[in-house]
Structures are given as C-alpha cells and as structure tokens.
Amino acid sequence: MKRITKRVLLGTVSALLFYILFIPLPTPELTIRRYMLFRSPITALTGDIIEGQIKNDPKYGNLYVLPKVEISFIYVQKNNFGWYVTTQGTAP
C-alpha cells in the first residue's frame, strides 16, 4: 500500500510542477507572477501589477507595469492556450 501511495504522490507532484512550469496560464497576472517567481520570488508573491496603457500591440501584446521591480515593464500576449510573456525590460 505504501508503494502505491508514494507513486501516486510522486505522479501528482510531477504533473503539478509540469503544469506550473510549462503550461500557459489563463490570466495575465498569473503569467507575470510565474515569470517573476524565477527572478524575484518575494516580489512575485507580494508585488503590485499595474495594467499599462498599451493594449493589443500586434508585435508585443499588452503592457503591464511592476513598480518595485528592476525589470519593471512586461508585455504579455494571448494565444489559443493562454497567456505568455513576450518581452520584458526597464522601459517601453
């Protein structure tokens, strides 16, 4: 019984990690937070995300501003699967 429980737990954790790391997320805010999680984990959990004035840019997508982060401008774009980060930087 223990062997099956360990395999189920390992499979569940592996599937969850795969989903969190590789699958596009359904909202721009979650996508930005996941992107920031690898660069600044504390800021990813506590930082503010402000929607910028640029929307539906054909090349980059929608602009979001992170005021307390070194990389303070992030563009996200939506495809059929969800949102993904197209580019980031310190100025638009």
PDB file of N, CA and C in Angstrom:
ATOM      1  N   MET A   1       0.817  -1.192   0.000  1.00  0.00           N
ATOM      2  CA  MET A   1       0.000   0.000   0.000  1.00  0.00           C
ATOM      3  C   MET A   1       0.864   1.261   0.000  1.00  0.00           C
ATOM      4  N   LYS A   2       1.948   1.242   0.751  1.00  0.00           N
ATOM      5  CA  LYS A   2       2.815   2.410   0.819  1.00  0.00           C
ATOM      6  C   LYS A   2       3.456   2.710  -0.532  1.00  0.00           C
ATOM      7  N   ARG A   3       3.809   1.670  -1.259  1.00  0.00           N
ATOM      8  CA  ARG A   3       4.461   1.840  -2.542  1.00  0.00           C
ATOM      9  C   ARG A   3       3.530   2.537  -3.537  1.00  0.00           C
ATOM     10  N   ILE A   4       2.266   2.155  -3.552  1.00  0.00           N
ATOM     11  CA  ILE A   4       1.283   2.771  -4.443  1.00  0.00           C
ATOM     12  C   ILE A   4       1.040   4.222  -4.040  1.00  0.00           C
ATOM     13  N   THR A   5       0.953   4.489  -2.755  1.00  0.00           N
ATOM     14  CA  THR A   5       0.731   5.851  -2.269  1.00  0.00           C
ATOM     15  C   THR A   5       1.890   6.761  -2.663  1.00  0.00           C
ATOM     16  N   LYS A   6       3.114   6.276  -2.545  1.00  0.00           N
ATOM     17  CA  LYS A   6       4.277   7.069  -2.928  1.00  0.00           C
ATOM     18  C   LYS A   6       4.271   7.361  -4.423  1.00  0.00           C
ATOM     19  N   ARG A   7       3.908   6.373  -5.232  1.00  0.00           N
ATOM     20  CA  ARG A   7       3.870   6.574  -6.683  1.00  0.00           C
ATOM     21  C   ARG A   7       2.792   7.578  -7.075  1.00  0.00           C
ATOM     22  N   VAL A   8       1.636   7.475  -6.443  1.00  0.00           N
ATOM     23  CA  VAL A   8       0.550   8.415  -6.732  1.00  0.00           C
ATOM     24  C   VAL A   8       0.959   9.826  -6.324  1.00  0.00           C
ATOM     25  N   LEU A   9       1.563   9.958  -5.157  1.00  0.00           N
ATOM     26  CA  LEU A   9       2.010  11.264  -4.686  1.00  0.00           C
ATOM     27  C   LEU A   9       3.084  11.839  -5.609  1.00  0.00           C
ATOM     28  N   LEU A  10       4.046  11.027  -5.999  1.00  0.00           N
ATOM     29  CA  LEU A  10       5.102  11.474  -6.898  1.00  0.00           C
ATOM     30  C   LEU A  10       4.534  11.875  -8.257  1.00  0.00           C
ATOM     31  N   GLY A  11       3.609  11.095  -8.777  1.00  0.00           N
ATOM     32  CA  GLY A  11       2.972  11.422 -10.052  1.00  0.00           C
ATOM     33  C   GLY A  11       2.178  12.714  -9.985  1.00  0.00           C
ATOM     34  N   THR A  12       1.464  12.921  -8.892  1.00  0.00           N
ATOM     35  CA  THR A  12       0.675  14.142  -8.720  1.00  0.00           C
ATOM     36  C   THR A  12       1.572  15.365  -8.622  1.00  0.00           C
ATOM     37  N   VAL A  13       2.628  15.272  -7.834  1.00  0.00           N
ATOM     38  CA  VAL A  13       3.559  16.393  -7.687  1.00  0.00           C
ATOM     39  C   VAL A  13       4.254  16.683  -9.018  1.00  0.00           C
ATOM     40  N   SER A  14       4.652  15.651  -9.743  1.00  0.00           N
ATOM     41  CA  SER A  14       5.304  15.839 -11.042  1.00  0.00           C
ATOM     42  C   SER A  14       4.369  16.516 -12.040  1.00  0.00           C
ATOM     43  N   ALA A  15       3.122  16.075 -12.089  1.00  0.00           N
ATOM     44  CA  ALA A  15       2.148  16.681 -13.001  1.00  0.00           C
ATOM     45  C   ALA A  15       1.884  18.138 -12.639  1.00  0.00           C
ATOM     46  N   LEU A  16       1.792  18.423 -11.353  1.00  0.00           N
ATOM     47  CA  LEU A  16       1.557  19.795 -10.903  1.00  0.00           C
ATOM     48  C   LEU A  16       2.743  20.698 -11.251  1.00  0.00           C
ATOM     49  N   LEU A  17       3.955  20.238 -11.036  1.00  0.00           N
ATOM     50  CA  LEU A  17       5.144  21.016 -11.397  1.00  0.00           C
ATOM     51  C   LEU A  17       5.224  21.254 -12.899  1.00  0.00           C
ATOM     52  N   PHE A  18       4.920  20.232 -13.685  1.00  0.00           N
ATOM     53  CA  PHE A  18       4.913  20.385 -15.139  1.00  0.00           C
ATOM     54  C   PHE A  18       3.914  21.452 -15.556  1.00  0.00           C
ATOM     55  N   TYR A  19       2.722  21.424 -14.967  1.00  0.00           N
ATOM     56  CA  TYR A  19       1.685  22.406 -15.290  1.00  0.00           C
ATOM     57  C   TYR A  19       2.126  23.814 -14.907  1.00  0.00           C
ATOM     58  N   ILE A  20       2.682  23.972 -13.725  1.00  0.00           N
ATOM     59  CA  ILE A  20       3.091  25.295 -13.253  1.00  0.00           C
ATOM     60  C   ILE A  20       4.238  25.855 -14.097  1.00  0.00           C
ATOM     61  N   LEU A  21       5.174  25.015 -14.500  1.00  0.00           N
ATOM     62  CA  LEU A  21       6.355  25.496 -15.201  1.00  0.00           C
ATOM     63  C   LEU A  21       6.172  25.675 -16.699  1.00  0.00           C
ATOM     64  N   PHE A  22       5.345  24.857 -17.343  1.00  0.00           N
ATOM     65  CA  PHE A  22       5.340  24.842 -18.798  1.00  0.00           C
ATOM     66  C   PHE A  22       4.025  25.207 -19.475  1.00  0.00           C
ATOM     67  N   ILE A  23       2.910  25.065 -18.827  1.00  0.00           N
ATOM     68  CA  ILE A  23       1.618  25.318 -19.461  1.00  0.00           C
ATOM     69  C   ILE A  23       1.274  26.800 -19.341  1.00  0.00           C
ATOM     70  N   PRO A  24       0.858  27.454 -20.437  1.00  0.00           N
ATOM     71  CA  PRO A  24       0.431  28.856 -20.341  1.00  0.00           C
ATOM     72  C   PRO A  24      -0.744  29.007 -19.381  1.00  0.00           C
ATOM     73  N   LEU A  25      -0.740  30.096 -18.626  1.00  0.00           N
ATOM     74  CA  LEU A  25      -1.753  30.313 -17.595  1.00  0.00           C
ATOM     75  C   LEU A  25      -2.937  31.115 -18.136  1.00  0.00           C
ATOM     76  N   PRO A  26      -4.099  31.034 -17.480  1.00  0.00           N
ATOM     77  CA  PRO A  26      -5.320  31.639 -18.020  1.00  0.00           C
ATOM     78  C   PRO A  26      -5.437  33.149 -17.840  1.00  0.00           C
ATOM     79  N   THR A  27      -4.630  33.776 -16.984  1.00  0.00           N
ATOM     80  CA  THR A  27      -4.732  35.224 -16.792  1.00  0.00           C
ATOM     81  C   THR A  27      -3.354  35.869 -16.928  1.00  0.00           C
ATOM     82  N   PRO A  28      -3.301  37.128 -17.357  1.00  0.00           N
ATOM     83  CA  PRO A  28      -2.007  37.802 -17.477  1.00  0.00           C
ATOM     84  C   PRO A  28      -1.303  37.972 -16.131  1.00  0.00           C
ATOM     85  N   GLU A  29      -2.061  38.225 -15.077  1.00  0.00           N
ATOM     86  CA  GLU A  29      -1.444  38.427 -13.763  1.00  0.00           C
ATOM     87  C   GLU A  29      -0.737  37.162 -13.282  1.00  0.00           C
ATOM     88  N   LEU A  30      -1.367  36.017 -13.430  1.00  0.00           N
ATOM     89  CA  LEU A  30      -0.719  34.762 -13.028  1.00  0.00           C
ATOM     90  C   LEU A  30       0.513  34.476 -13.877  1.00  0.00           C
ATOM     91  N   THR A  31       0.440  34.802 -15.158  1.00  0.00           N
ATOM     92  CA  THR A  31       1.581  34.600 -16.040  1.00  0.00           C
ATOM     93  C   THR A  31       2.763  35.461 -15.600  1.00  0.00           C
ATOM     94  N   ILE A  32       2.494  36.719 -15.262  1.00  0.00           N
ATOM     95  CA  ILE A  32       3.561  37.616 -14.808  1.00  0.00           C
ATOM     96  C   ILE A  32       4.119  37.152 -13.470  1.00  0.00           C
ATOM     97  N   ARG A  33       3.261  36.722 -12.573  1.00  0.00           N
ATOM     98  CA  ARG A  33       3.736  36.247 -11.263  1.00  0.00           C
ATOM     99  C   ARG A  33       4.610  34.998 -11.416  1.00  0.00           C
ATOM    100  N   ARG A  34       4.231  34.081 -12.309  1.00  0.00           N
ATOM    101  CA  ARG A  34       5.066  32.900 -12.535  1.00  0.00           C
ATOM    102  C   ARG A  34       6.410  33.309 -13.138  1.00  0.00           C
ATOM    103  N   TYR A  35       6.383  34.248 -14.072  1.00  0.00           N
ATOM    104  CA  TYR A  35       7.618  34.732 -14.686  1.00  0.00           C
ATOM    105  C   TYR A  35       8.539  35.355 -13.637  1.00  0.00           C
ATOM    106  N   MET A  36       7.973  36.146 -12.739  1.00  0.00           N
ATOM    107  CA  MET A  36       8.760  36.802 -11.704  1.00  0.00           C
ATOM    108  C   MET A  36       9.198  35.833 -10.606  1.00  0.00           C
ATOM    109  N   LEU A  37       8.503  34.737 -10.449  1.00  0.00           N
ATOM    110  CA  LEU A  37       8.838  33.760  -9.415  1.00  0.00           C
ATOM    111  C   LEU A  37      10.267  33.250  -9.563  1.00  0.00           C
ATOM    112  N   PHE A  38      10.746  33.116 -10.786  1.00  0.00           N
ATOM    113  CA  PHE A  38      12.097  32.622 -11.024  1.00  0.00           C
ATOM    114  C   PHE A  38      13.148  33.716 -10.902  1.00  0.00           C
ATOM    115  N   ARG A  39      12.750  34.977 -10.977  1.00  0.00           N
ATOM    116  CA  ARG A  39      13.688  36.085 -10.915  1.00  0.00           C
ATOM    117  C   ARG A  39      13.714  36.773  -9.558  1.00  0.00           C
ATOM    118  N   SER A  40      12.548  36.901  -8.940  1.00  0.00           N
ATOM    119  CA  SER A  40      12.428  37.569  -7.648  1.00  0.00           C
ATOM    120  C   SER A  40      11.238  36.973  -6.902  1.00  0.00           C
ATOM    121  N   PRO A  41      11.433  35.867  -6.196  1.00  0.00           N
ATOM    122  CA  PRO A  41      10.309  35.146  -5.588  1.00  0.00           C
ATOM    123  C   PRO A  41       9.483  35.971  -4.608  1.00  0.00           C
ATOM    124  N   ILE A  42      10.107  36.782  -3.790  1.00  0.00           N
ATOM    125  CA  ILE A  42       9.346  37.563  -2.810  1.00  0.00           C
ATOM    126  C   ILE A  42       8.494  38.607  -3.512  1.00  0.00           C
ATOM    127  N   THR A  43       9.058  39.277  -4.503  1.00  0.00           N
ATOM    128  CA  THR A  43       8.304  40.279  -5.248  1.00  0.00           C
ATOM    129  C   THR A  43       7.174  39.631  -6.040  1.00  0.00           C
ATOM    130  N   ALA A  44       7.386  38.430  -6.517  1.00  0.00           N
ATOM    131  CA  ALA A  44       6.334  37.743  -7.266  1.00  0.00           C
ATOM    132  C   ALA A  44       5.110  37.493  -6.402  1.00  0.00           C
ATOM    133  N   LEU A  45       5.323  37.267  -5.130  1.00  0.00           N
ATOM    134  CA  LEU A  45       4.203  36.989  -4.237  1.00  0.00           C
ATOM    135  C   LEU A  45       3.578  38.247  -3.653  1.00  0.00           C
ATOM    136  N   THR A  46       4.370  39.309  -3.480  1.00  0.00           N
ATOM    137  CA  THR A  46       3.850  40.492  -2.791  1.00  0.00           C
ATOM    138  C   THR A  46       3.763  41.736  -3.663  1.00  0.00           C
ATOM    139  N   GLY A  47       4.392  41.745  -4.832  1.00  0.00           N
ATOM    140  CA  GLY A  47       4.456  42.952  -5.654  1.00  0.00           C
ATOM    141  C   GLY A  47       3.145  43.301  -6.339  1.00  0.00           C
ATOM    142  N   ASP A  48       3.033  44.576  -6.706  1.00  0.00           N
ATOM    143  CA  ASP A  48       1.861  45.059  -7.427  1.00  0.00           C
ATOM    144  C   ASP A  48       2.068  44.882  -8.923  1.00  0.00           C
ATOM    145  N   ILE A  49       0.978  44.606  -9.626  1.00  0.00           N
ATOM    146  CA  ILE A  49       0.979  44.533 -11.080  1.00  0.00           C
ATOM    147  C   ILE A  49      -0.061  45.523 -11.569  1.00  0.00           C
ATOM    148  N   ILE A  50       0.387  46.507 -12.351  1.00  0.00           N
ATOM    149  CA  ILE A  50      -0.500  47.554 -12.849  1.00  0.00           C
ATOM    150  C   ILE A  50      -0.636  47.393 -14.360  1.00  0.00           C
ATOM    151  N   GLU A  51      -1.860  47.433 -14.835  1.00  0.00           N
ATOM    152  CA  GLU A  51      -2.106  47.318 -16.267  1.00  0.00           C
ATOM    153  C   GLU A  51      -1.677  48.607 -16.951  1.00  0.00           C
ATOM    154  N   GLY A  52      -0.845  48.497 -17.986  1.00  0.00           N
ATOM    155  CA  GLY A  52      -0.343  49.671 -18.695  1.00  0.00           C
ATOM    156  C   GLY A  52      -1.346  50.213 -19.700  1.00  0.00           C
ATOM    157  N   GLN A  53      -0.944  51.273 -20.398  1.00  0.00           N
ATOM    158  CA  GLN A  53      -1.834  51.922 -21.348  1.00  0.00           C
ATOM    159  C   GLN A  53      -1.775  51.307 -22.735  1.00  0.00           C
ATOM    160  N   ILE A  54      -0.802  50.483 -23.013  1.00  0.00           N
ATOM    161  CA  ILE A  54      -0.678  49.865 -24.332  1.00  0.00           C
ATOM    162  C   ILE A  54      -1.425  48.539 -24.324  1.00  0.00           C
ATOM    163  N   LYS A  55      -2.392  48.424 -25.218  1.00  0.00           N
ATOM    164  CA  LYS A  55      -3.207  47.207 -25.317  1.00  0.00           C
ATOM    165  C   LYS A  55      -3.179  46.701 -26.758  1.00  0.00           C
ATOM    166  N   ASN A  56      -3.150  45.421 -26.912  1.00  0.00           N
ATOM    167  CA  ASN A  56      -3.250  44.766 -28.220  1.00  0.00           C
ATOM    168  C   ASN A  56      -2.207  45.240 -29.222  1.00  0.00           C
ATOM    169  N   ASP A  57      -1.003  45.477 -28.770  1.00  0.00           N
ATOM    170  CA  ASP A  57       0.090  45.784 -29.685  1.00  0.00           C
ATOM    171  C   ASP A  57       0.323  44.541 -30.538  1.00  0.00           C
ATOM    172  N   PRO A  58       0.342  44.665 -31.874  1.00  0.00           N
ATOM    173  CA  PRO A  58       0.444  43.464 -32.713  1.00  0.00           C
ATOM    174  C   PRO A  58       1.743  42.684 -32.533  1.00  0.00           C
ATOM    175  N   LYS A  59       2.816  43.365 -32.158  1.00  0.00           N
ATOM    176  CA  LYS A  59       4.094  42.675 -32.010  1.00  0.00           C
ATOM    177  C   LYS A  59       4.311  42.144 -30.598  1.00  0.00           C
ATOM    178  N   TYR A  60       3.965  42.946 -29.573  1.00  0.00           N
ATOM    179  CA  TYR A  60       4.300  42.584 -28.203  1.00  0.00           C
ATOM    180  C   TYR A  60       3.113  42.169 -27.343  1.00  0.00           C
ATOM    181  N   GLY A  61       1.934  42.720 -27.565  1.00  0.00           N
ATOM    182  CA  GLY A  61       0.777  42.377 -26.741  1.00  0.00           C
ATOM    183  C   GLY A  61       0.407  43.492 -25.785  1.00  0.00           C
ATOM    184  N   ASN A  62       0.007  43.138 -24.581  1.00  0.00           N
ATOM    185  CA  ASN A  62      -0.438  44.101 -23.571  1.00  0.00           C
ATOM    186  C   ASN A  62       0.700  44.421 -22.607  1.00  0.00           C
ATOM    187  N   LEU A  63       0.765  45.688 -22.210  1.00  0.00           N
ATOM    188  CA  LEU A  63       1.816  46.147 -21.306  1.00  0.00           C
ATOM    189  C   LEU A  63       1.337  46.080 -19.862  1.00  0.00           C
ATOM    190  N   TYR A  64       2.198  45.582 -18.985  1.00  0.00           N
ATOM    191  CA  TYR A  64       1.947  45.589 -17.542  1.00  0.00           C
ATOM    192  C   TYR A  64       3.166  46.170 -16.852  1.00  0.00           C
ATOM    193  N   VAL A  65       2.922  46.940 -15.789  1.00  0.00           N
ATOM    194  CA  VAL A  65       3.987  47.641 -15.074  1.00  0.00           C
ATOM    195  C   VAL A  65       4.127  47.036 -13.683  1.00  0.00           C
ATOM    196  N   LEU A  66       5.377  46.786 -13.289  1.00  0.00           N
ATOM    197  CA  LEU A  66       5.697  46.302 -11.945  1.00  0.00           C
ATOM    198  C   LEU A  66       6.548  47.378 -11.283  1.00  0.00           C
ATOM    199  N   PRO A  67       5.960  48.230 -10.443  1.00  0.00           N
ATOM    200  CA  PRO A  67       6.675  49.409  -9.949  1.00  0.00           C
ATOM    201  C   PRO A  67       7.882  49.135  -9.053  1.00  0.00           C
ATOM    202  N   LYS A  68       7.934  48.058  -8.318  1.00  0.00           N
ATOM    203  CA  LYS A  68       9.010  47.839  -7.341  1.00  0.00           C
ATOM    204  C   LYS A  68      10.025  46.790  -7.786  1.00  0.00           C
ATOM    205  N   VAL A  69      10.118  46.571  -9.092  1.00  0.00           N
ATOM    206  CA  VAL A  69      10.985  45.519  -9.616  1.00  0.00           C
ATOM    207  C   VAL A  69      11.987  46.144 -10.580  1.00  0.00           C
ATOM    208  N   GLU A  70      13.176  45.558 -10.666  1.00  0.00           N
ATOM    209  CA  GLU A  70      14.198  46.065 -11.582  1.00  0.00           C
ATOM    210  C   GLU A  70      13.724  45.990 -13.032  1.00  0.00           C
ATOM    211  N   ILE A  71      13.158  44.855 -13.425  1.00  0.00           N
ATOM    212  CA  ILE A  71      12.556  44.723 -14.755  1.00  0.00           C
ATOM    213  C   ILE A  71      11.103  45.145 -14.596  1.00  0.00           C
ATOM    214  N   SER A  72      10.833  46.412 -14.863  1.00  0.00           N
ATOM    215  CA  SER A  72       9.546  46.965 -14.454  1.00  0.00           C
ATOM    216  C   SER A  72       8.465  46.950 -15.525  1.00  0.00           C
ATOM    217  N   PHE A  73       8.786  46.617 -16.762  1.00  0.00           N
ATOM    218  CA  PHE A  73       7.786  46.567 -17.823  1.00  0.00           C
ATOM    219  C   PHE A  73       7.768  45.177 -18.437  1.00  0.00           C
ATOM    220  N   ILE A  74       6.591  44.584 -18.512  1.00  0.00           N
ATOM    221  CA  ILE A  74       6.446  43.247 -19.082  1.00  0.00           C
ATOM    222  C   ILE A  74       5.287  43.265 -20.066  1.00  0.00           C
ATOM    223  N   TYR A  75       5.527  42.710 -21.246  1.00  0.00           N
ATOM    224  CA  TYR A  75       4.470  42.552 -22.238  1.00  0.00           C
ATOM    225  C   TYR A  75       4.014  41.098 -22.234  1.00  0.00           C
ATOM    226  N   VAL A  76       2.706  40.899 -22.238  1.00  0.00           N
ATOM    227  CA  VAL A  76       2.147  39.552 -22.336  1.00  0.00           C
ATOM    228  C   VAL A  76       1.191  39.500 -23.519  1.00  0.00           C
ATOM    229  N   GLN A  77       1.104  38.343 -24.123  1.00  0.00           N
ATOM    230  CA  GLN A  77       0.242  38.150 -25.276  1.00  0.00           C
ATOM    231  C   GLN A  77      -0.531  36.856 -25.096  1.00  0.00           C
ATOM    232  N   LYS A  78      -1.710  36.800 -25.678  1.00  0.00           N
ATOM    233  CA  LYS A  78      -2.560  35.625 -25.531  1.00  0.00           C
ATOM    234  C   LYS A  78      -2.560  34.818 -26.821  1.00  0.00           C
ATOM    235  N   ASN A  79      -2.460  33.494 -26.662  1.00  0.00           N
ATOM    236  CA  ASN A  79      -2.647  32.600 -27.796  1.00  0.00           C
ATOM    237  C   ASN A  79      -3.796  31.651 -27.469  1.00  0.00           C
ATOM    238  N   ASN A  80      -3.961  30.588 -28.218  1.00  0.00           N
ATOM    239  CA  ASN A  80      -5.083  29.664 -28.005  1.00  0.00           C
ATOM    240  C   ASN A  80      -5.023  28.939 -26.665  1.00  0.00           C
ATOM    241  N   PHE A  81      -3.851  28.796 -26.088  1.00  0.00           N
ATOM    242  CA  PHE A  81      -3.689  28.033 -24.852  1.00  0.00           C
ATOM    243  C   PHE A  81      -3.730  28.894 -23.597  1.00  0.00           C
ATOM    244  N   GLY A  82      -3.387  30.159 -23.713  1.00  0.00           N
ATOM    245  CA  GLY A  82      -3.352  31.041 -22.552  1.00  0.00           C
ATOM    246  C   GLY A  82      -2.398  32.197 -22.791  1.00  0.00           C
ATOM    247  N   TRP A  83      -1.978  32.833 -21.724  1.00  0.00           N
ATOM    248  CA  TRP A  83      -1.102  33.997 -21.792  1.00  0.00           C
ATOM    249  C   TRP A  83       0.354  33.579 -21.647  1.00  0.00           C
ATOM    250  N   TYR A  84       1.259  34.329 -22.307  1.00  0.00           N
ATOM    251  CA  TYR A  84       2.686  34.097 -22.157  1.00  0.00           C
ATOM    252  C   TYR A  84       3.420  35.433 -22.248  1.00  0.00           C
ATOM    253  N   VAL A  85       4.595  35.511 -21.644  1.00  0.00           N
ATOM    254  CA  VAL A  85       5.401  36.730 -21.647  1.00  0.00           C
ATOM    255  C   VAL A  85       6.144  36.810 -22.971  1.00  0.00           C
ATOM    256  N   THR A  86       5.975  37.938 -23.683  1.00  0.00           N
ATOM    257  CA  THR A  86       6.676  38.112 -24.951  1.00  0.00           C
ATOM    258  C   THR A  86       8.003  38.834 -24.773  1.00  0.00           C
ATOM    259  N   THR A  87       8.027  39.845 -23.917  1.00  0.00           N
ATOM    260  CA  THR A  87       9.267  40.575 -23.671  1.00  0.00           C
ATOM    261  C   THR A  87       9.172  41.323 -22.347  1.00  0.00           C
ATOM    262  N   GLN A  88      10.326  41.705 -21.827  1.00  0.00           N
ATOM    263  CA  GLN A  88      10.375  42.471 -20.589  1.00  0.00           C
ATOM    264  C   GLN A  88      11.537  43.440 -20.679  1.00  0.00           C
ATOM    265  N   GLY A  89      11.491  44.472 -19.847  1.00  0.00           N
ATOM    266  CA  GLY A  89      12.577  45.440 -19.859  1.00  0.00           C
ATOM    267  C   GLY A  89      12.377  46.525 -18.831  1.00  0.00           C
ATOM    268  N   THR A  90      13.222  47.552 -18.931  1.00  0.00           N
ATOM    269  CA  THR A  90      13.155  48.645 -17.975  1.00  0.00           C
ATOM    270  C   THR A  90      12.391  49.840 -18.509  1.00  0.00           C
ATOM    271  N   ALA A  91      12.078  49.856 -19.791  1.00  0.00           N
ATOM    272  CA  ALA A  91      11.281  50.946 -20.369  1.00  0.00           C
ATOM    273  C   ALA A  91      10.566  50.426 -21.612  1.00  0.00           C
ATOM    274  N   PRO A  92       9.398  50.996 -21.914  1.00  0.00           N
ATOM    275  CA  PRO A  92       8.676  50.532 -23.114  1.00  0.00           C
ATOM    276  C   PRO A  92       9.313  51.017 -24.396  1.00  0.00           C
TER     277      PRO A  92
END
